[in-house]
C-alpha atoms as a PDB file:
ATOM      1  CA  MET A   1       0.000   0.000   0.000  1.00  0.00           C
ATOM      2  CA  THR A   2       1.294   3.461  -0.883  1.00  0.00           C
ATOM      3  CA  SER A   3       1.549   5.841   2.075  1.00  0.00           C
ATOM      4  CA  THR A   4       1.051   9.602   1.907  1.00  0.00           C
ATOM      5  CA  SER A   5       4.800  10.134   2.332  1.00  0.00           C
ATOM      6  CA  ASP A   6       5.470   8.017  -0.779  1.00  0.00           C
ATOM      7  CA  LEU A   7       3.362  10.242  -3.016  1.00  0.00           C
ATOM      8  CA  PRO A   8       5.033  12.917  -5.162  1.00  0.00           C
ATOM      9  CA  PRO A   9       4.961  16.517  -3.851  1.00  0.00           C
ATOM     10  CA  PRO A  10       1.611  18.207  -4.556  1.00  0.00           C
ATOM     11  CA  VAL A  11       1.514  20.764  -7.343  1.00  0.00           C
ATOM     12  CA  PRO A  12      -1.146  23.378  -8.150  1.00  0.00           C
ATOM     13  CA  PRO A  13      -3.631  22.089 -10.755  1.00  0.00           C
ATOM     14  CA  ALA A  14      -3.879  23.726 -14.174  1.00  0.00           C
ATOM     15  CA  THR A  15      -6.670  26.269 -14.473  1.00  0.00           C
ATOM     16  CA  PRO A  16      -9.464  25.117 -16.816  1.00  0.00           C
ATOM     17  CA  GLU A  17     -10.806  27.613 -19.320  1.00  0.00           C
ATOM     18  CA  VAL A  18     -14.293  27.421 -17.830  1.00  0.00           C
ATOM     19  CA  ALA A  19     -12.962  28.949 -14.593  1.00  0.00           C
ATOM     20  CA  ARG A  20     -12.646  32.346 -16.272  1.00  0.00           C
ATOM     21  CA  GLY A  21     -16.358  32.391 -17.003  1.00  0.00           C
ATOM     22  CA  VAL A  22     -17.333  31.173 -13.536  1.00  0.00           C
ATOM     23  CA  PHE A  23     -15.096  33.495 -11.493  1.00  0.00           C
ATOM     24  CA  GLY A  24     -14.731  36.360 -13.934  1.00  0.00           C
ATOM     25  CA  SER A  25     -11.464  37.780 -15.214  1.00  0.00           C
ATOM     26  CA  ASP A  26     -11.097  40.149 -12.261  1.00  0.00           C
ATOM     27  CA  ARG A  27     -11.353  37.352  -9.635  1.00  0.00           C
ATOM     28  CA  LEU A  28      -9.645  34.488 -11.434  1.00  0.00           C
ATOM     29  CA  ALA A  29      -6.171  35.279 -10.067  1.00  0.00           C
ATOM     30  CA  LEU A  30      -7.495  35.005  -6.491  1.00  0.00           C
ATOM     31  CA  ALA A  31      -9.151  31.692  -7.315  1.00  0.00           C
ATOM     32  CA  GLU A  32      -5.885  30.399  -8.768  1.00  0.00           C
ATOM     33  CA  GLU A  33      -3.973  31.480  -5.672  1.00  0.00           C
ATOM     34  CA  TYR A  34      -6.473  29.732  -3.434  1.00  0.00           C
ATOM     35  CA  ALA A  35      -6.289  26.585  -5.590  1.00  0.00           C
ATOM     36  CA  ALA A  36      -2.492  26.624  -5.222  1.00  0.00           C
ATOM     37  CA  LEU A  37      -2.777  26.962  -1.429  1.00  0.00           C
ATOM     38  CA  LEU A  38      -5.219  24.053  -1.241  1.00  0.00           C
ATOM     39  CA  ALA A  39      -3.064  21.853  -3.466  1.00  0.00           C
ATOM     40  CA  THR A  40       0.109  22.511  -1.448  1.00  0.00           C
ATOM     41  CA  ASP A  41      -0.442  23.683   2.145  1.00  0.00           C
ATOM     42  CA  GLY A  42      -3.908  22.157   2.202  1.00  0.00           C
ATOM     43  CA  VAL A  43      -2.549  18.720   1.364  1.00  0.00           C
ATOM     44  CA  VAL A  44       0.518  18.957   3.613  1.00  0.00           C
ATOM     45  CA  ARG A  45      -1.614  20.057   6.572  1.00  0.00           C
ATOM     46  CA  GLY A  46      -4.194  17.317   6.006  1.00  0.00           C
ATOM     47  CA  LEU A  47      -7.064  19.604   5.013  1.00  0.00           C
ATOM     48  CA  ILE A  48      -7.707  17.814   1.733  1.00  0.00           C
ATOM     49  CA  GLY A  49      -6.575  14.419   0.474  1.00  0.00           C
ATOM     50  CA  PRO A  50      -3.512  14.286  -1.785  1.00  0.00           C
ATOM     51  CA  ARG A  51      -5.512  12.652  -4.577  1.00  0.00           C
ATOM     52  CA  GLU A  52      -7.932  15.591  -4.573  1.00  0.00           C
ATOM     53  CA  ALA A  53      -5.283  18.095  -5.683  1.00  0.00           C
ATOM     54  CA  PRO A  54      -5.368  17.259  -9.428  1.00  0.00           C
ATOM     55  CA  ARG A  55      -9.169  17.611  -9.518  1.00  0.00           C
ATOM     56  CA  LEU A  56      -9.588  20.648  -7.284  1.00  0.00           C
ATOM     57  CA  TRP A  57     -11.206  22.765  -9.961  1.00  0.00           C
ATOM     58  CA  ASP A  58     -13.813  20.286 -11.200  1.00  0.00           C
ATOM     59  CA  ARG A  59     -14.770  18.657  -7.895  1.00  0.00           C
ATOM     60  CA  HIS A  60     -14.420  21.579  -5.524  1.00  0.00           C
ATOM     61  CA  LEU A  61     -13.806  25.138  -6.718  1.00  0.00           C
ATOM     62  CA  LEU A  62     -16.141  25.349  -9.696  1.00  0.00           C
ATOM     63  CA  ASN A  63     -19.072  23.540  -8.160  1.00  0.00           C
ATOM     64  CA  CYS A  64     -18.791  25.666  -5.003  1.00  0.00           C
ATOM     65  CA  ALA A  65     -18.591  28.875  -7.027  1.00  0.00           C
ATOM     66  CA  VAL A  66     -21.850  28.228  -8.884  1.00  0.00           C
ATOM     67  CA  LEU A  67     -23.642  28.009  -5.533  1.00  0.00           C
ATOM     68  CA  GLY A  68     -23.580  31.793  -5.846  1.00  0.00           C
ATOM     69  CA  GLU A  69     -26.314  31.483  -8.480  1.00  0.00           C
ATOM     70  CA  ALA A  70     -28.719  30.780  -5.604  1.00  0.00           C
ATOM     71  CA  ILE A  71     -27.564  33.674  -3.403  1.00  0.00           C
ATOM     72  CA  PRO A  72     -28.902  37.241  -3.814  1.00  0.00           C
ATOM     73  CA  GLN A  73     -26.678  40.301  -4.135  1.00  0.00           C
ATOM     74  CA  ASP A  74     -25.214  42.142  -1.128  1.00  0.00           C
ATOM     75  CA  VAL A  75     -26.360  39.767   1.607  1.00  0.00           C
ATOM     76  CA  SER A  76     -24.800  38.220   4.702  1.00  0.00           C
ATOM     77  CA  VAL A  77     -23.773  34.557   4.493  1.00  0.00           C
ATOM     78  CA  CYS A  78     -22.852  32.128   7.257  1.00  0.00           C
ATOM     79  CA  ASP A  79     -20.968  29.039   6.081  1.00  0.00           C
ATOM     80  CA  ILE A  80     -21.060  26.318   8.738  1.00  0.00           C
ATOM     81  CA  GLY A  81     -18.483  23.534   8.907  1.00  0.00           C
ATOM     82  CA  SER A  82     -16.252  25.482   6.511  1.00  0.00           C
ATOM     83  CA  GLY A  83     -13.324  23.047   6.657  1.00  0.00           C
ATOM     84  CA  ALA A  84     -10.720  24.306   4.199  1.00  0.00           C
ATOM     85  CA  GLY A  85     -13.120  26.976   2.911  1.00  0.00           C
ATOM     86  CA  LEU A  86     -15.545  25.039   0.729  1.00  0.00           C
ATOM     87  CA  PRO A  87     -17.860  26.641  -0.181  1.00  0.00           C
ATOM     88  CA  GLY A  88     -17.409  29.761   1.973  1.00  0.00           C
ATOM     89  CA  LEU A  89     -14.019  30.975   0.751  1.00  0.00           C
ATOM     90  CA  VAL A  90     -14.868  30.134  -2.840  1.00  0.00           C
ATOM     91  CA  LEU A  91     -18.006  32.278  -2.583  1.00  0.00           C
ATOM     92  CA  ALA A  92     -15.971  35.106  -1.048  1.00  0.00           C
ATOM     93  CA  ILE A  93     -13.605  34.978  -4.025  1.00  0.00           C
ATOM     94  CA  ALA A  94     -16.314  34.748  -6.671  1.00  0.00           C
ATOM     95  CA  ARG A  95     -18.742  37.179  -4.992  1.00  0.00           C
ATOM     96  CA  PRO A  96     -17.025  40.151  -3.301  1.00  0.00           C
ATOM     97  CA  ASP A  97     -20.476  41.664  -2.662  1.00  0.00           C
ATOM     98  CA  LEU A  98     -21.201  39.026  -0.007  1.00  0.00           C
ATOM     99  CA  ARG A  99     -20.407  39.457   3.701  1.00  0.00           C
ATOM    100  CA  ILE A 100     -19.308  35.982   4.760  1.00  0.00           C
ATOM    101  CA  THR A 101     -18.781  34.376   8.159  1.00  0.00           C
ATOM    102  CA  LEU A 102     -16.933  31.059   8.193  1.00  0.00           C
ATOM    103  CA  VAL A 103     -17.764  28.793  11.150  1.00  0.00           C
ATOM    104  CA  GLU A 104     -15.422  25.880  11.832  1.00  0.00           C
ATOM    105  CA  PRO A 105     -14.704  24.113  15.162  1.00  0.00           C
ATOM    106  CA  LEU A 106     -11.192  22.725  14.470  1.00  0.00           C
ATOM    107  CA  LEU A 107      -8.219  24.980  15.241  1.00  0.00           C
ATOM    108  CA  ARG A 108      -5.969  23.718  12.445  1.00  0.00           C
ATOM    109  CA  ARG A 109      -8.683  24.541   9.936  1.00  0.00           C
ATOM    110  CA  THR A 110      -9.501  27.994  11.307  1.00  0.00           C
ATOM    111  CA  THR A 111      -5.771  28.768  11.335  1.00  0.00           C
ATOM    112  CA  PHE A 112      -5.626  27.937   7.624  1.00  0.00           C
ATOM    113  CA  LEU A 113      -8.786  29.945   6.927  1.00  0.00           C
ATOM    114  CA  ASP A 114      -7.391  32.992   8.729  1.00  0.00           C
ATOM    115  CA  GLU A 115      -4.154  32.728   6.752  1.00  0.00           C
ATOM    116  CA  VAL A 116      -5.961  32.483   3.404  1.00  0.00           C
ATOM    117  CA  VAL A 117      -8.263  35.406   4.233  1.00  0.00           C
ATOM    118  CA  GLU A 118      -5.238  37.574   5.038  1.00  0.00           C
ATOM    119  CA  MET A 119      -3.161  36.423   2.056  1.00  0.00           C
ATOM    120  CA  LEU A 120      -5.968  37.008  -0.432  1.00  0.00           C
ATOM    121  CA  GLY A 121      -7.151  40.244   1.166  1.00  0.00           C
ATOM    122  CA  LEU A 122     -10.721  39.021   1.644  1.00  0.00           C
ATOM    123  CA  GLU A 123     -11.791  41.822   3.956  1.00  0.00           C
ATOM    124  CA  GLN A 124     -15.473  40.860   3.832  1.00  0.00           C
ATOM    125  CA  VAL A 125     -14.753  37.489   5.497  1.00  0.00           C
ATOM    126  CA  THR A 126     -14.857  36.740   9.235  1.00  0.00           C
ATOM    127  CA  VAL A 127     -13.625  33.429  10.674  1.00  0.00           C
ATOM    128  CA  ILE A 128     -15.194  32.015  13.842  1.00  0.00           C
ATOM    129  CA  ARG A 129     -13.845  28.971  15.628  1.00  0.00           C
ATOM    130  CA  GLY A 130     -16.837  27.124  17.015  1.00  0.00           C
ATOM    131  CA  ARG A 131     -19.938  25.146  16.182  1.00  0.00           C
ATOM    132  CA  ALA A 132     -23.052  26.463  14.508  1.00  0.00           C
ATOM    133  CA  GLU A 133     -25.052  26.272  17.728  1.00  0.00           C
ATOM    134  CA  GLU A 134     -22.468  28.520  19.425  1.00  0.00           C
ATOM    135  CA  VAL A 135     -22.823  31.406  16.946  1.00  0.00           C
ATOM    136  CA  LYS A 136     -24.382  34.363  18.752  1.00  0.00           C
ATOM    137  CA  GLU A 137     -26.202  35.910  15.788  1.00  0.00           C
ATOM    138  CA  ARG A 138     -29.461  33.989  16.109  1.00  0.00           C
ATOM    139  CA  HIS A 139     -31.537  34.495  12.936  1.00  0.00           C
ATOM    140  CA  GLY A 140     -28.916  37.002  11.844  1.00  0.00           C
ATOM    141  CA  PHE A 141     -27.904  35.805   8.361  1.00  0.00           C
ATOM    142  CA  ASP A 142     -29.626  36.142   5.018  1.00  0.00           C
ATOM    143  CA  VAL A 143     -28.174  32.839   3.790  1.00  0.00           C
ATOM    144  CA  VAL A 144     -26.649  29.876   5.635  1.00  0.00           C
ATOM    145  CA  THR A 145     -24.519  27.581   3.465  1.00  0.00           C
ATOM    146  CA  SER A 146     -22.776  24.240   3.942  1.00  0.00           C
ATOM    147  CA  ARG A 147     -21.226  21.386   2.023  1.00  0.00           C
ATOM    148  CA  ALA A 148     -21.121  17.737   3.100  1.00  0.00           C
ATOM    149  CA  VAL A 149     -21.631  18.664   6.766  1.00  0.00           C
ATOM    150  CA  ALA A 150     -24.496  16.384   7.830  1.00  0.00           C
ATOM    151  CA  PRO A 151     -27.737  14.752   6.671  1.00  0.00           C
ATOM    152  CA  LEU A 152     -30.533  17.268   6.206  1.00  0.00           C
ATOM    153  CA  GLU A 153     -32.307  16.372   9.442  1.00  0.00           C
ATOM    154  CA  ARG A 154     -29.305  17.475  11.529  1.00  0.00           C
ATOM    155  CA  LEU A 155     -28.321  20.262   9.146  1.00  0.00           C
ATOM    156  CA  LEU A 156     -31.707  21.924   9.619  1.00  0.00           C
ATOM    157  CA  ARG A 157     -31.328  21.945  13.403  1.00  0.00           C
ATOM    158  CA  TRP A 158     -27.900  23.562  13.128  1.00  0.00           C
ATOM    159  CA  SER A 159     -28.600  25.981  10.290  1.00  0.00           C
ATOM    160  CA  MET A 160     -32.158  27.300  10.624  1.00  0.00           C
ATOM    161  CA  PRO A 161     -31.567  29.026  13.995  1.00  0.00           C
ATOM    162  CA  LEU A 162     -29.095  31.239  12.121  1.00  0.00           C
ATOM    163  CA  VAL A 163     -31.389  32.046   9.175  1.00  0.00           C
ATOM    164  CA  ALA A 164     -33.039  35.479   9.181  1.00  0.00           C
ATOM    165  CA  PRO A 165     -36.843  35.676   8.777  1.00  0.00           C
ATOM    166  CA  GLN A 166     -36.586  36.495   5.061  1.00  0.00           C
ATOM    167  CA  GLY A 167     -33.489  34.316   4.556  1.00  0.00           C
ATOM    168  CA  ALA A 168     -32.830  30.701   3.617  1.00  0.00           C
ATOM    169  CA  LEU A 169     -30.584  27.712   4.066  1.00  0.00           C
ATOM    170  CA  VAL A 170     -28.754  27.022   0.779  1.00  0.00           C
ATOM    171  CA  ALA A 171     -26.843  23.760   1.129  1.00  0.00           C
ATOM    172  CA  MET A 172     -24.860  21.766  -1.402  1.00  0.00           C
ATOM    173  CA  LYS A 173     -26.238  18.234  -1.611  1.00  0.00           C
ATOM    174  CA  GLY A 174     -25.707  15.040  -3.559  1.00  0.00           C
ATOM    175  CA  SER A 175     -27.979  12.779  -5.561  1.00  0.00           C
ATOM    176  CA  SER A 176     -29.783  11.477  -2.450  1.00  0.00           C
ATOM    177  CA  VAL A 177     -31.240  14.884  -1.602  1.00  0.00           C
ATOM    178  CA  VAL A 178     -34.857  13.813  -2.252  1.00  0.00           C
ATOM    179  CA  ASP A 179     -34.480  10.891   0.163  1.00  0.00           C
ATOM    180  CA  GLU A 180     -32.986  13.251   2.758  1.00  0.00           C
ATOM    181  CA  ILE A 181     -36.001  15.529   2.434  1.00  0.00           C
ATOM    182  CA  ASP A 182     -38.363  12.616   3.087  1.00  0.00           C
ATOM    183  CA  VAL A 183     -36.445  11.594   6.216  1.00  0.00           C
ATOM    184  CA  ALA A 184     -36.353  15.196   7.450  1.00  0.00           C
ATOM    185  CA  ARG A 185     -40.121  15.840   7.088  1.00  0.00           C
ATOM    186  CA  PRO A 186     -40.798  15.774  10.859  1.00  0.00           C
ATOM    187  CA  THR A 187     -37.944  18.231  11.484  1.00  0.00           C
ATOM    188  CA  LEU A 188     -39.120  20.513   8.675  1.00  0.00           C
ATOM    189  CA  ARG A 189     -42.577  20.645  10.269  1.00  0.00           C
ATOM    190  CA  LYS A 190     -41.247  21.114  13.791  1.00  0.00           C
ATOM    191  CA  LEU A 191     -39.040  24.032  12.755  1.00  0.00           C
ATOM    192  CA  ARG A 192     -41.873  25.495  10.615  1.00  0.00           C
ATOM    193  CA  CYS A 193     -39.916  25.481   7.381  1.00  0.00           C
ATOM    194  CA  ALA A 194     -41.365  25.979   3.925  1.00  0.00           C
ATOM    195  CA  GLU A 195     -41.281  23.200   1.335  1.00  0.00           C
ATOM    196  CA  PRO A 196     -37.629  22.601   0.332  1.00  0.00           C
ATOM    197  CA  GLU A 197     -36.589  23.544  -3.192  1.00  0.00           C
ATOM    198  CA  VAL A 198     -34.051  21.357  -5.025  1.00  0.00           C
ATOM    199  CA  LEU A 199     -31.775  23.418  -7.280  1.00  0.00           C
ATOM    200  CA  THR A 200     -29.563  22.464 -10.216  1.00  0.00           C
ATOM    201  CA  LEU A 201     -26.755  24.999 -10.650  1.00  0.00           C
ATOM    202  CA  GLY A 202     -24.011  25.562 -13.187  1.00  0.00           C
ATOM    203  CA  GLY A 203     -25.867  23.783 -15.945  1.00  0.00           C
ATOM    204  CA  THR A 204     -24.749  26.218 -18.633  1.00  0.00           C
ATOM    205  CA  SER A 205     -21.100  26.376 -17.582  1.00  0.00           C
ATOM    206  CA  LEU A 206     -20.097  23.089 -15.918  1.00  0.00           C
ATOM    207  CA  VAL A 207     -19.887  19.582 -17.314  1.00  0.00           C
ATOM    208  CA  HIS A 208     -21.332  18.215 -14.057  1.00  0.00           C
ATOM    209  CA  SER A 209     -24.059  20.350 -12.486  1.00  0.00           C
ATOM    210  CA  THR A 210     -24.130  21.174  -8.780  1.00  0.00           C
ATOM    211  CA  HIS A 211     -27.138  20.105  -6.721  1.00  0.00           C
ATOM    212  CA  ALA A 212     -28.260  22.315  -3.866  1.00  0.00           C
ATOM    213  CA  LEU A 213     -31.207  22.602  -1.516  1.00  0.00           C
ATOM    214  CA  ARG A 214     -32.941  25.820  -0.522  1.00  0.00           C
ATOM    215  CA  VAL A 215     -35.075  25.912   2.638  1.00  0.00           C
ATOM    216  CA  ALA A 216     -36.838  29.086   3.764  1.00  0.00           C
ATOM    217  CA  TRP A 217     -39.283  29.778   6.582  1.00  0.00           C
ATOM    218  CA  ALA A 218     -42.955  28.939   6.063  1.00  0.00           C
ATOM    219  CA  ASP A 219     -44.029  32.098   7.915  1.00  0.00           C
ATOM    220  CA  PRO A 220     -41.282  34.708   8.421  1.00  0.00           C
ATOM    221  CA  SER A 221     -43.436  36.527  10.997  1.00  0.00           C
ATOM    222  CA  GLN A 222     -43.251  33.477  13.296  1.00  0.00           C
ATOM    223  CA  VAL A 223     -39.458  33.062  13.257  1.00  0.00           C
ATOM    224  CA  GLY A 224     -38.030  33.019  16.757  1.00  0.00           C
ATOM    225  CA  LEU A 225     -41.398  32.596  18.452  1.00  0.00           C
ATOM    226  CA  PRO A 226     -42.094  29.448  20.484  1.00  0.00           C
ATOM    227  CA  ALA A 227     -44.092  26.817  18.622  1.00  0.00           C
ATOM    228  CA  SER A 228     -47.767  26.746  19.548  1.00  0.00           C
ATOM    229  CA  ARG A 229     -48.914  23.686  21.449  1.00  0.00           C
ATOM    230  CA  SER A 230     -51.556  21.371  20.138  1.00  0.00           C
ATOM    231  CA  PRO A 231     -54.899  21.275  22.036  1.00  0.00           C
ATOM    232  CA  ARG A 232     -53.954  17.864  23.436  1.00  0.00           C
ATOM    233  CA  GLU A 233     -50.641  19.191  24.785  1.00  0.00           C
ATOM    234  CA  SER A 234     -52.386  22.215  26.337  1.00  0.00           C
ATOM    235  CA  HIS A 235     -54.945  19.931  28.010  1.00  0.00           C
ATOM    236  CA  ARG A 236     -52.195  17.764  29.510  1.00  0.00           C
ATOM    237  CA  ARG A 237     -50.465  20.839  30.957  1.00  0.00           C
ATOM    238  CA  ARG A 238     -53.708  22.008  32.660  1.00  0.00           C
ATOM    239  CA  ARG A 239     -54.303  18.658  34.364  1.00  0.00           C
END
């Protein structure tokens, strides 16, 4: 079996032509610098696997960037479980209009995130070391993003308390997203969420489209209020 130490030194992947259209000419250099950091420091520090470096653009950077298609202009974004910055840092590079907070519990990852933010001059990005449930801004973000953090049932419990009344969870998901929605039905009802919307992004620019899920509040005026009890529950409390 080949160990990590036996593999050749990581090298930055070549930039595909489609990246210019996705990031724009004025942001492409930042995306390339971030790709180089992921492929070198990111691999050495164990933030991504060494075999991911050659396919960083197709599997990671481009599909995270097109998540911006589902995010309005000039809004606040909280990216939970940011890891090495996917999708949060990619969105910050592609969309300088967004105000982004990266939430990540592991120190070695937040150290890397802080370094990248400083190196790339991403002044609109804040890094918080902690878990989603520890973030103080309850219902304070227009959009809450994530990628491969948890099944939808758990993701809703972590993300929706951060979503503003007129905001939404916008999470990257795989091909099993419909099954996840079915499993999460009780949680969706309990949290008073609207019907989830499955999105297909990047269809005109990427070979492989990105799948995402958007979940908003069913009634924005009720966000943050305690759930009303059923008549049966009220009767039990009076007895």
